[in-house]
Structure formats: C-alpha cells, structure tokens
N, C-alpha and C. Protein backbone atom coordinates (compact mmCIF):
# COMPACT_ATOMS: atom_id res chain seq x y z
N MET A 1 191.49 309.39 61.97
CA MET A 1 191.82 308.02 62.38
C MET A 1 190.41 307.51 62.54
N PHE A 2 189.16 308.23 62.86
CA PHE A 2 187.93 307.82 62.94
C PHE A 2 187.53 307.45 61.64
N MET A 3 187.81 308.32 60.61
CA MET A 3 187.36 308.05 59.43
C MET A 3 187.79 307.08 58.80
N LYS A 4 189.00 306.86 58.85
CA LYS A 4 189.74 305.60 58.47
C LYS A 4 189.00 304.32 58.95
N LEU A 5 188.73 304.06 60.29
CA LEU A 5 187.99 302.97 60.71
C LEU A 5 186.47 302.75 60.09
N CYS A 6 185.77 303.89 60.02
CA CYS A 6 184.54 303.88 59.36
C CYS A 6 184.44 303.80 58.26
N SER A 7 185.16 304.18 57.29
CA SER A 7 184.96 304.00 55.76
C SER A 7 184.81 302.65 55.19
N PRO A 8 185.57 301.44 55.90
CA PRO A 8 185.10 300.09 55.46
C PRO A 8 183.71 299.84 55.60
N LEU A 9 183.33 300.11 56.96
CA LEU A 9 181.90 299.79 57.28
C LEU A 9 180.77 300.68 56.51
N ALA A 10 181.37 301.75 56.15
CA ALA A 10 180.16 302.84 55.22
C ALA A 10 180.25 302.22 53.97
N VAL A 11 181.27 301.66 53.38
CA VAL A 11 181.31 301.18 52.15
C VAL A 11 180.36 299.86 52.06
N ALA A 12 180.40 299.09 53.12
CA ALA A 12 179.76 297.76 53.14
C ALA A 12 178.18 298.15 53.23
N VAL A 13 177.89 298.95 54.09
CA VAL A 13 176.63 299.66 54.30
C VAL A 13 175.89 299.87 53.04
N VAL A 14 176.72 300.87 52.14
CA VAL A 14 176.09 301.37 50.80
C VAL A 14 176.24 300.24 49.88
N ALA A 15 177.08 299.27 50.10
CA ALA A 15 177.11 298.13 49.02
C ALA A 15 175.80 297.26 49.13
N LEU A 16 175.78 296.93 50.42
CA LEU A 16 174.43 296.09 50.80
C LEU A 16 173.12 296.94 50.13
N ALA A 17 172.98 298.27 50.56
CA ALA A 17 171.57 299.00 50.01
C ALA A 17 171.63 299.08 48.61
N THR A 18 172.89 299.03 48.14
CA THR A 18 172.89 299.04 46.46
C THR A 18 172.06 297.75 45.95
N HIS A 19 172.53 296.73 46.57
CA HIS A 19 172.25 295.22 46.00
C HIS A 19 170.96 294.88 46.61
N ALA A 20 170.21 295.48 47.41
CA ALA A 20 168.73 295.15 47.93
C ALA A 20 167.90 295.67 46.87
N GLN A 21 166.92 294.75 46.10
CA GLN A 21 166.06 294.98 45.03
C GLN A 21 165.01 295.65 45.49
N ALA A 22 164.80 296.71 45.00
CA ALA A 22 163.44 297.53 45.14
C ALA A 22 162.27 296.99 44.50
N PHE A 23 161.26 297.37 45.34
CA PHE A 23 159.98 296.80 45.02
C PHE A 23 159.52 297.59 43.68
N GLU A 24 159.42 296.95 42.62
CA GLU A 24 159.07 297.73 41.23
C GLU A 24 158.06 297.09 40.28
N LEU A 25 157.04 297.91 40.02
CA LEU A 25 156.05 297.68 39.05
C LEU A 25 156.33 298.20 37.47
N THR A 26 156.09 297.30 36.64
CA THR A 26 156.40 297.75 35.32
C THR A 26 155.30 297.08 34.33
N SER A 27 155.13 297.62 33.01
CA SER A 27 154.39 297.03 32.15
C SER A 27 155.14 296.97 30.98
N PRO A 28 155.00 296.04 30.06
CA PRO A 28 155.45 295.78 28.79
C PRO A 28 154.48 296.35 27.93
N ASP A 29 153.64 297.12 28.31
CA ASP A 29 152.65 297.66 27.36
C ASP A 29 152.39 299.05 27.38
N PHE A 30 153.24 299.78 28.60
CA PHE A 30 153.41 301.22 28.50
C PHE A 30 154.63 301.67 29.54
N ASP A 31 155.17 302.73 29.29
CA ASP A 31 156.32 303.20 29.97
C ASP A 31 155.56 304.28 31.29
N ALA A 32 156.24 304.47 32.11
CA ALA A 32 156.17 305.43 32.98
C ALA A 32 155.84 306.67 32.37
N GLY A 33 154.65 307.23 32.66
CA GLY A 33 154.20 308.59 32.24
C GLY A 33 153.86 308.55 30.74
N GLU A 34 153.58 307.46 29.99
CA GLU A 34 153.16 307.44 28.89
C GLU A 34 151.78 307.29 28.53
N THR A 35 151.27 307.98 27.40
CA THR A 35 149.75 307.69 26.91
C THR A 35 149.51 306.32 26.82
N PHE A 36 148.24 306.10 27.18
CA PHE A 36 147.87 304.78 26.87
C PHE A 36 147.19 304.62 25.41
N GLU A 37 147.54 303.62 24.69
CA GLU A 37 147.01 303.35 23.56
C GLU A 37 145.59 302.91 23.62
N GLU A 38 144.80 303.16 22.35
CA GLU A 38 143.38 303.14 22.57
C GLU A 38 142.81 301.60 22.87
N ARG A 39 143.46 300.66 22.77
CA ARG A 39 143.01 299.10 23.31
C ARG A 39 142.91 299.19 24.75
N PHE A 40 143.50 300.21 25.47
CA PHE A 40 143.29 300.12 26.96
C PHE A 40 142.45 300.98 27.50
N ILE A 41 141.68 301.85 26.57
CA ILE A 41 140.57 302.81 26.92
C ILE A 41 139.34 302.16 27.03
N PHE A 42 138.48 302.69 28.02
CA PHE A 42 137.14 302.29 28.06
C PHE A 42 136.29 302.28 26.99
N ASP A 43 135.22 301.50 26.73
CA ASP A 43 134.29 301.17 25.70
C ASP A 43 133.14 301.79 26.53
N GLY A 44 132.75 302.99 26.37
CA GLY A 44 131.57 303.49 27.19
C GLY A 44 131.71 305.02 27.56
N PHE A 45 130.65 305.73 28.00
CA PHE A 45 130.63 307.00 28.69
C PHE A 45 131.56 307.64 27.34
N GLY A 46 131.08 307.70 26.17
CA GLY A 46 131.71 308.53 25.05
C GLY A 46 133.01 307.81 24.51
N CYS A 47 133.66 306.93 25.30
CA CYS A 47 134.95 306.46 24.80
C CYS A 47 134.61 305.30 23.91
N THR A 48 135.57 305.19 23.00
CA THR A 48 135.55 303.73 21.96
C THR A 48 136.69 302.69 22.11
N GLY A 49 137.24 302.70 23.07
CA GLY A 49 138.40 301.77 23.28
C GLY A 49 138.12 300.47 23.47
N ASP A 50 139.19 299.62 23.40
CA ASP A 50 138.85 298.12 23.68
C ASP A 50 138.73 297.35 25.03
N ASN A 51 139.06 298.48 26.07
CA ASN A 51 138.82 298.25 27.43
C ASN A 51 139.76 297.00 27.76
N VAL A 52 140.81 296.89 27.43
CA VAL A 52 141.77 295.58 27.69
C VAL A 52 142.73 296.18 28.88
N SER A 53 142.85 295.53 29.86
CA SER A 53 143.94 295.81 30.92
C SER A 53 145.20 295.70 30.46
N PRO A 54 146.17 296.57 30.63
CA PRO A 54 147.44 296.34 30.45
C PRO A 54 148.58 295.20 30.99
N ALA A 55 149.10 294.52 30.38
CA ALA A 55 150.20 293.50 31.37
C ALA A 55 150.77 294.29 32.36
N LEU A 56 151.10 293.63 33.47
CA LEU A 56 151.84 294.31 34.53
C LEU A 56 152.89 293.05 35.11
N THR A 57 154.01 293.70 35.37
CA THR A 57 155.14 292.76 36.10
C THR A 57 155.68 293.41 37.13
N TRP A 58 156.15 292.51 38.29
CA TRP A 58 156.64 293.21 39.44
C TRP A 58 157.88 292.20 40.04
N SER A 59 158.81 292.85 40.74
CA SER A 59 159.70 292.26 41.26
C SER A 59 160.27 292.68 42.71
N GLY A 60 161.11 292.06 43.36
CA GLY A 60 161.32 292.82 44.57
C GLY A 60 160.43 293.00 45.68
N ALA A 61 159.75 292.12 45.74
CA ALA A 61 158.51 292.38 47.00
C ALA A 61 159.12 292.16 48.31
N PRO A 62 158.67 292.97 49.31
CA PRO A 62 159.21 292.99 50.64
C PRO A 62 159.17 291.53 51.22
N GLU A 63 160.17 291.07 52.08
CA GLU A 63 160.12 289.92 52.87
C GLU A 63 158.70 289.98 53.73
N GLY A 64 158.13 288.70 53.91
CA GLY A 64 156.89 288.70 54.54
C GLY A 64 155.66 288.59 53.80
N THR A 65 155.91 288.95 52.34
CA THR A 65 154.70 289.13 51.63
C THR A 65 154.02 287.96 51.33
N GLU A 66 152.77 287.61 51.77
CA GLU A 66 151.91 286.63 51.45
C GLU A 66 150.96 286.92 50.27
N SER A 67 150.61 288.07 49.91
CA SER A 67 149.83 288.30 48.76
C SER A 67 150.00 289.83 48.11
N PHE A 68 149.29 290.26 47.28
CA PHE A 68 149.23 291.45 46.46
C PHE A 68 148.00 292.11 46.34
N ALA A 69 147.79 293.25 46.44
CA ALA A 69 146.50 293.94 46.04
C ALA A 69 146.90 294.89 44.96
N LEU A 70 146.14 295.15 43.85
CA LEU A 70 146.45 296.10 42.95
C LEU A 70 145.30 297.16 42.85
N MET A 71 145.65 298.36 43.18
CA MET A 71 144.41 299.25 42.93
C MET A 71 144.91 300.57 41.71
N VAL A 72 143.94 300.72 40.97
CA VAL A 72 144.35 301.52 39.91
C VAL A 72 143.25 303.09 39.93
N HIS A 73 144.15 304.13 40.12
CA HIS A 73 143.10 305.20 40.55
C HIS A 73 143.54 306.28 39.84
N ASP A 74 142.51 307.25 39.50
CA ASP A 74 142.72 308.68 38.56
C ASP A 74 142.64 309.59 39.82
N PRO A 75 143.30 310.12 40.14
CA PRO A 75 143.10 311.27 40.99
C PRO A 75 142.67 312.63 40.41
N ASP A 76 142.62 312.80 39.14
CA ASP A 76 142.30 313.89 38.20
C ASP A 76 140.79 313.85 38.00
N ALA A 77 139.94 312.96 38.31
CA ALA A 77 138.58 312.69 37.90
C ALA A 77 137.78 313.94 38.47
N PRO A 78 136.84 314.71 37.91
CA PRO A 78 136.11 315.51 38.63
C PRO A 78 134.98 314.90 39.47
N THR A 79 135.33 314.37 40.28
CA THR A 79 134.50 313.80 41.39
C THR A 79 134.33 314.26 42.93
N GLY A 80 134.87 315.79 42.96
CA GLY A 80 134.83 316.41 44.16
C GLY A 80 135.99 315.90 45.22
N GLY A 81 136.81 315.38 44.58
CA GLY A 81 138.09 315.03 45.33
C GLY A 81 138.44 313.67 45.65
N ALA A 82 137.13 312.95 45.39
CA ALA A 82 137.45 311.29 45.58
C ALA A 82 138.41 310.90 44.08
N GLY A 83 138.40 311.13 43.20
CA GLY A 83 139.04 310.48 42.19
C GLY A 83 138.26 309.43 41.37
N PHE A 84 138.87 308.48 40.76
CA PHE A 84 138.14 307.51 40.20
C PHE A 84 138.68 306.10 40.06
N TRP A 85 138.25 304.96 40.87
CA TRP A 85 138.72 303.73 40.94
C TRP A 85 138.51 302.98 39.51
N HIS A 86 139.59 302.45 38.92
CA HIS A 86 139.18 301.84 37.48
C HIS A 86 139.86 300.27 37.76
N TRP A 87 140.30 299.82 38.59
CA TRP A 87 140.53 298.40 39.02
C TRP A 87 140.96 298.08 40.44
N ILE A 88 140.39 297.23 41.10
CA ILE A 88 140.81 296.82 42.38
C ILE A 88 140.96 295.06 42.14
N VAL A 89 142.16 294.79 42.61
CA VAL A 89 142.14 293.32 42.63
C VAL A 89 142.98 292.78 44.00
N LEU A 90 142.44 291.93 44.91
CA LEU A 90 142.86 291.58 45.94
C LEU A 90 143.21 289.85 45.94
N ASP A 91 144.23 289.70 46.81
CA ASP A 91 144.48 288.31 47.28
C ASP A 91 145.35 287.64 45.95
N ILE A 92 146.03 288.36 45.18
CA ILE A 92 147.01 287.80 44.35
C ILE A 92 147.99 287.26 44.97
N PRO A 93 148.23 285.90 44.83
CA PRO A 93 149.09 285.13 45.45
C PRO A 93 150.64 285.43 45.47
N ALA A 94 151.35 285.46 46.57
CA ALA A 94 152.59 285.90 46.51
C ALA A 94 153.65 285.40 45.43
N ALA A 95 153.43 284.01 45.29
CA ALA A 95 153.96 283.49 44.16
C ALA A 95 153.95 284.09 42.67
N VAL A 96 153.06 284.90 42.59
CA VAL A 96 152.54 285.35 41.40
C VAL A 96 153.57 286.80 41.10
N ASP A 97 153.94 287.08 39.98
CA ASP A 97 155.05 288.21 39.70
C ASP A 97 154.49 288.91 38.49
N GLU A 98 153.26 288.64 37.84
CA GLU A 98 152.83 289.33 36.49
C GLU A 98 151.37 289.01 36.38
N LEU A 99 150.76 289.95 35.88
CA LEU A 99 149.05 289.79 35.17
C LEU A 99 149.40 290.04 33.58
N PRO A 100 148.60 289.09 33.04
CA PRO A 100 148.88 289.20 31.53
C PRO A 100 147.99 290.23 31.13
N GLN A 101 148.29 290.83 29.76
CA GLN A 101 147.23 291.63 29.22
C GLN A 101 146.11 291.29 29.15
N GLY A 102 144.87 291.75 29.55
CA GLY A 102 143.34 291.26 29.52
C GLY A 102 143.07 290.52 30.61
N ALA A 103 143.79 290.31 31.51
CA ALA A 103 143.61 289.78 33.05
C ALA A 103 142.32 290.35 33.70
N GLY A 104 142.44 291.63 33.55
CA GLY A 104 141.34 292.44 34.09
C GLY A 104 139.75 292.21 33.37
N ALA A 105 139.50 291.19 32.51
CA ALA A 105 138.39 291.26 31.63
C ALA A 105 137.30 290.63 32.93
N ALA A 106 136.15 291.25 32.60
CA ALA A 106 135.27 290.79 33.78
C ALA A 106 134.83 289.36 33.71
N GLY A 107 134.62 288.87 34.90
CA GLY A 107 134.55 287.41 34.85
C GLY A 107 136.00 286.84 35.53
N GLY A 108 136.94 287.56 35.31
CA GLY A 108 138.24 287.18 35.87
C GLY A 108 139.09 285.68 35.45
N GLU A 109 138.72 285.21 34.27
CA GLU A 109 139.35 284.03 33.98
C GLU A 109 140.83 283.94 33.91
N ALA A 110 141.29 284.96 33.48
CA ALA A 110 142.72 285.13 33.38
C ALA A 110 143.42 285.52 34.45
N MET A 111 142.69 285.66 35.55
CA MET A 111 143.14 286.00 36.83
C MET A 111 143.98 284.99 37.64
N PRO A 112 144.98 285.04 38.41
CA PRO A 112 145.63 283.86 39.11
C PRO A 112 144.75 283.50 40.19
N ALA A 113 144.76 282.13 40.28
CA ALA A 113 143.60 281.39 41.26
C ALA A 113 143.66 281.88 42.68
N GLY A 114 142.62 282.49 42.99
CA GLY A 114 142.63 283.04 44.63
C GLY A 114 142.29 284.35 44.76
N ALA A 115 142.85 284.98 43.47
CA ALA A 115 142.74 286.61 43.28
C ALA A 115 141.14 286.99 42.96
N ARG A 116 140.74 288.07 43.36
CA ARG A 116 139.48 288.30 43.29
C ARG A 116 139.44 289.91 42.87
N MET A 117 138.69 290.01 42.06
CA MET A 117 138.43 291.68 41.56
C MET A 117 137.17 292.28 42.19
N LEU A 118 137.15 293.51 42.70
CA LEU A 118 136.01 294.04 43.30
C LEU A 118 135.42 295.06 42.22
N PRO A 119 134.18 295.49 42.43
CA PRO A 119 133.69 296.38 41.55
C PRO A 119 134.43 297.70 41.43
N ASN A 120 134.69 298.28 40.45
CA ASN A 120 135.45 299.50 40.00
C ASN A 120 134.27 300.71 40.05
N ASP A 121 134.80 302.01 39.93
CA ASP A 121 133.79 302.88 39.89
C ASP A 121 132.87 302.97 38.68
N TYR A 122 133.10 302.17 37.61
CA TYR A 122 132.20 302.00 36.49
C TYR A 122 130.98 300.77 37.15
N GLY A 123 131.35 300.16 38.27
CA GLY A 123 130.26 299.20 38.68
C GLY A 123 130.70 297.76 37.94
N ILE A 124 131.82 297.59 37.38
CA ILE A 124 132.11 296.46 36.75
C ILE A 124 133.22 295.84 38.05
N ALA A 125 133.47 294.54 38.21
CA ALA A 125 134.24 293.82 38.74
C ALA A 125 135.40 293.21 37.83
N GLY A 126 136.34 294.18 37.39
CA GLY A 126 137.17 294.05 36.34
C GLY A 126 137.94 295.47 36.09
N TRP A 127 138.54 295.38 34.88
CA TRP A 127 139.26 296.61 34.49
C TRP A 127 138.14 297.50 34.14
N GLY A 128 138.47 298.87 34.19
CA GLY A 128 137.68 299.90 33.52
C GLY A 128 138.56 300.75 33.00
N GLY A 129 138.89 301.03 31.87
CA GLY A 129 140.00 301.77 31.25
C GLY A 129 139.72 302.89 31.31
N PRO A 130 140.81 304.07 31.09
CA PRO A 130 140.53 305.45 31.30
C PRO A 130 139.45 306.07 30.30
N CYS A 131 138.80 307.06 30.85
CA CYS A 131 137.78 307.70 29.84
C CYS A 131 137.56 308.87 30.35
N PRO A 132 138.42 309.92 30.72
CA PRO A 132 138.27 311.20 31.17
C PRO A 132 137.33 312.25 30.33
N PRO A 133 136.84 313.09 30.90
CA PRO A 133 135.80 313.90 30.25
C PRO A 133 136.61 314.60 29.08
N GLN A 134 135.78 314.76 27.70
CA GLN A 134 136.46 315.42 26.81
C GLN A 134 136.73 317.00 26.92
N GLY A 135 137.93 317.24 26.68
CA GLY A 135 138.66 318.45 27.09
C GLY A 135 139.00 318.76 28.16
N HIS A 136 139.02 317.73 29.29
CA HIS A 136 139.38 317.99 30.75
C HIS A 136 140.71 318.29 31.03
N GLY A 137 141.73 317.82 29.90
CA GLY A 137 143.17 317.79 30.19
C GLY A 137 143.57 316.40 30.28
N PRO A 138 144.86 316.06 30.63
CA PRO A 138 145.36 314.92 31.00
C PRO A 138 145.31 314.34 32.49
N HIS A 139 144.90 313.31 32.36
CA HIS A 139 144.60 312.54 33.60
C HIS A 139 145.57 311.46 34.09
N ARG A 140 145.89 311.27 35.06
CA ARG A 140 146.89 310.63 35.45
C ARG A 140 146.23 309.02 36.24
N TYR A 141 146.87 308.15 35.77
CA TYR A 141 146.21 306.81 36.10
C TYR A 141 147.33 305.92 36.80
N ASN A 142 147.24 305.99 38.39
CA ASN A 142 147.91 305.43 39.13
C ASN A 142 147.81 303.82 39.55
N PHE A 143 148.82 303.03 39.11
CA PHE A 143 148.68 301.59 39.31
C PHE A 143 149.55 301.48 40.44
N THR A 144 149.00 301.02 41.51
CA THR A 144 149.74 300.72 42.87
C THR A 144 149.69 299.33 43.40
N LEU A 145 150.80 298.65 43.32
CA LEU A 145 150.74 297.07 43.77
C LEU A 145 151.18 297.30 45.29
N TYR A 146 150.52 296.66 46.03
CA TYR A 146 150.78 296.42 47.66
C TYR A 146 151.26 295.32 48.14
N ALA A 147 152.34 294.96 48.75
CA ALA A 147 152.83 293.90 49.30
C ALA A 147 152.04 293.63 50.50
N LEU A 148 151.14 292.57 50.95
CA LEU A 148 150.51 292.40 52.20
C LEU A 148 150.96 291.16 52.95
N PRO A 149 151.07 291.11 54.13
CA PRO A 149 151.45 290.12 54.91
C PRO A 149 150.60 288.77 55.21
N MET A 150 149.44 288.88 54.40
CA MET A 150 148.27 287.68 54.83
C MET A 150 147.89 287.33 53.36
N ALA A 151 147.68 286.10 53.21
CA ALA A 151 147.14 285.50 51.98
C ALA A 151 145.78 286.13 51.59
N GLN A 152 145.06 286.49 52.42
CA GLN A 152 143.58 287.04 51.82
C GLN A 152 143.27 287.97 52.93
N LEU A 153 143.10 289.32 52.37
CA LEU A 153 142.68 290.38 52.93
C LEU A 153 141.33 290.30 53.18
N GLU A 154 141.00 290.60 54.66
CA GLU A 154 139.51 290.54 55.05
C GLU A 154 138.81 291.78 54.83
N VAL A 155 137.93 291.95 53.93
CA VAL A 155 137.42 293.09 53.58
C VAL A 155 135.93 292.79 53.83
N PRO A 156 135.15 293.60 54.76
CA PRO A 156 133.66 293.21 54.59
C PRO A 156 132.92 293.20 53.58
N GLU A 157 131.91 292.47 53.25
CA GLU A 157 131.19 292.43 52.26
C GLU A 157 130.41 293.87 51.91
N GLY A 158 130.44 294.14 50.73
CA GLY A 158 129.84 295.48 50.43
C GLY A 158 130.61 296.66 51.12
N ALA A 159 131.96 296.33 51.41
CA ALA A 159 132.82 297.62 51.65
C ALA A 159 132.76 298.95 50.73
N SER A 160 133.06 299.66 51.10
CA SER A 160 133.27 301.05 49.90
C SER A 160 134.85 300.66 49.55
N LYS A 161 135.21 301.49 48.44
CA LYS A 161 136.23 301.55 47.97
C LYS A 161 137.26 302.17 48.99
N ALA A 162 136.91 303.26 49.69
CA ALA A 162 137.59 304.05 50.72
C ALA A 162 137.84 302.99 51.79
N VAL A 163 137.15 302.00 52.22
CA VAL A 163 137.39 301.23 53.39
C VAL A 163 138.19 300.06 52.93
N THR A 164 137.94 299.67 51.74
CA THR A 164 139.12 298.75 50.98
C THR A 164 140.48 299.51 50.88
N GLY A 165 140.39 300.47 50.39
CA GLY A 165 141.85 301.19 50.23
C GLY A 165 142.39 301.42 51.59
N PHE A 166 141.58 301.75 52.81
CA PHE A 166 142.24 302.02 53.98
C PHE A 166 142.73 300.66 54.41
N LEU A 167 141.78 299.69 54.33
CA LEU A 167 142.73 298.34 54.76
C LEU A 167 143.95 297.78 54.03
N VAL A 168 143.87 297.98 52.88
CA VAL A 168 144.93 297.61 52.12
C VAL A 168 146.08 298.29 52.56
N ASN A 169 146.05 299.47 52.69
CA ASN A 169 147.23 300.72 53.26
C ASN A 169 147.74 300.47 54.46
N ALA A 170 146.61 300.10 55.34
CA ALA A 170 146.94 299.77 56.67
C ALA A 170 147.85 298.35 57.09
N ASN A 171 147.68 297.59 55.88
CA ASN A 171 148.35 296.39 56.12
C ASN A 171 149.71 296.28 55.33
N ALA A 172 149.77 297.25 54.51
CA ALA A 172 150.97 297.04 53.36
C ALA A 172 152.26 297.21 54.08
N LEU A 173 153.06 296.21 53.52
CA LEU A 173 154.48 295.90 53.70
C LEU A 173 155.29 296.91 52.76
N GLY A 174 154.74 297.11 51.68
CA GLY A 174 155.31 298.06 50.77
C GLY A 174 154.58 298.09 49.43
N THR A 175 154.94 299.37 48.74
CA THR A 175 154.06 299.71 47.74
C THR A 175 155.21 299.83 46.41
N ALA A 176 154.52 299.66 45.10
CA ALA A 176 155.19 299.85 43.83
C ALA A 176 154.34 300.45 43.05
N THR A 177 154.40 301.56 42.42
CA THR A 177 153.68 302.26 41.80
C THR A 177 154.01 302.69 40.27
N LEU A 178 153.12 302.51 39.27
CA LEU A 178 153.42 302.73 37.86
C LEU A 178 152.29 303.86 37.38
N GLN A 179 152.75 304.89 36.56
CA GLN A 179 151.62 305.83 36.20
C GLN A 179 151.55 306.05 34.91
N GLY A 180 150.34 305.79 34.21
CA GLY A 180 150.12 306.33 32.90
C GLY A 180 149.36 307.46 32.59
N VAL A 181 149.15 307.84 31.57
CA VAL A 181 148.45 309.03 31.34
C VAL A 181 147.48 308.91 30.14
N TYR A 182 146.27 309.68 29.91
CA TYR A 182 145.32 309.90 28.93
C TYR A 182 144.58 310.99 28.92
N GLU A 183 144.47 311.46 28.05
CA GLU A 183 143.18 312.63 28.00
C GLU A 183 142.56 312.61 26.45
N ARG A 184 141.32 313.26 26.24
CA ARG A 184 140.87 313.21 25.13
C ARG A 184 140.11 314.65 24.96
C-alpha cells in the first residue's frame, strides 16, 4: 500500500529533476576532451599558434546569477603543483550566454560591456593559449564558468590568481566545466 501511494510522488520528483536544466558550458570550436587546433595555441615560448580564444556558450545558470567568472587552468603544467592560468575573466553580465571566438584578445574589445580580464600566467590580461613543454605529454585545459550572485566580484587590486580563485569559488552558485587537451 505504501509503495502505491508514494509512486506518483516519486514519479513527479523524478520528472521535475529531469526537466531542470543543468548548467552547461560548450564550445562550437572543440568538443570535451578534444585536442585544440593550432589557431587556439599560444604564439611564444616555442609555440607558433594564432593565440585565438575559442568561442564558448552556456545555458542553465542557477537562479540568482548576477554575473559569471571564467577561469581557464592547466593542472598538468610543471609548476610545482600550482598549474598554469591561461584566462581569467570576471564580471561577465548575467544576460550574456556566450563569448565569441577571439573575445580573449588583449585589450578586450570583443568582451561584453562590464567584463574584465585579469593577467594570466603569461602576464597578459587576455587569452593565453596552450603551450606545454615539448614532450611533456598531454595537458588538460579546464574551462570553468562560475555563476556568481553579484554583478561585480570585489577582488583587491593586485590580488594573486590564488586569491582571485578563492573569492570566485567562495561565492559560486554553480559551475560548468569544459576540458580541452593539447600536447607537443
């Protein structure tokens, strides 16, 4: 008898969960786990790519999202455990659901109004494409989009990437991740 009474409720809960849209990050330029094309690779440090940031799209942001932060990290970089930050973008307005290919160019002309790019580990406030050491094996590049409950994240002037990452993570309502791969 108990199972008969609960079954419709269980079905309704499952149906609601199935219809809830997941927070997702995708790219028309690469699929999850796919190797990057040369146009996205850094131009320097022995690499000769075009250093163009890939296009990104997202959907299903959590309720209460006021802005997004994007952080792109290579955890496989031989830096003593710190990895390597390739792109950090804060204050992407909540109404935005994509960044076009090339949006990460230094200067930020293709960025949405209000968004700001912080210096990556190359020292550039913009996209710095993959360029792992020759023969080091495949490196993973994690593109993580964070939904934040404020229009502007207060990051102290000159804050390290670790402090920036801490503040982003401490305030995140949700995250969506897409991973690309590259080796040379």
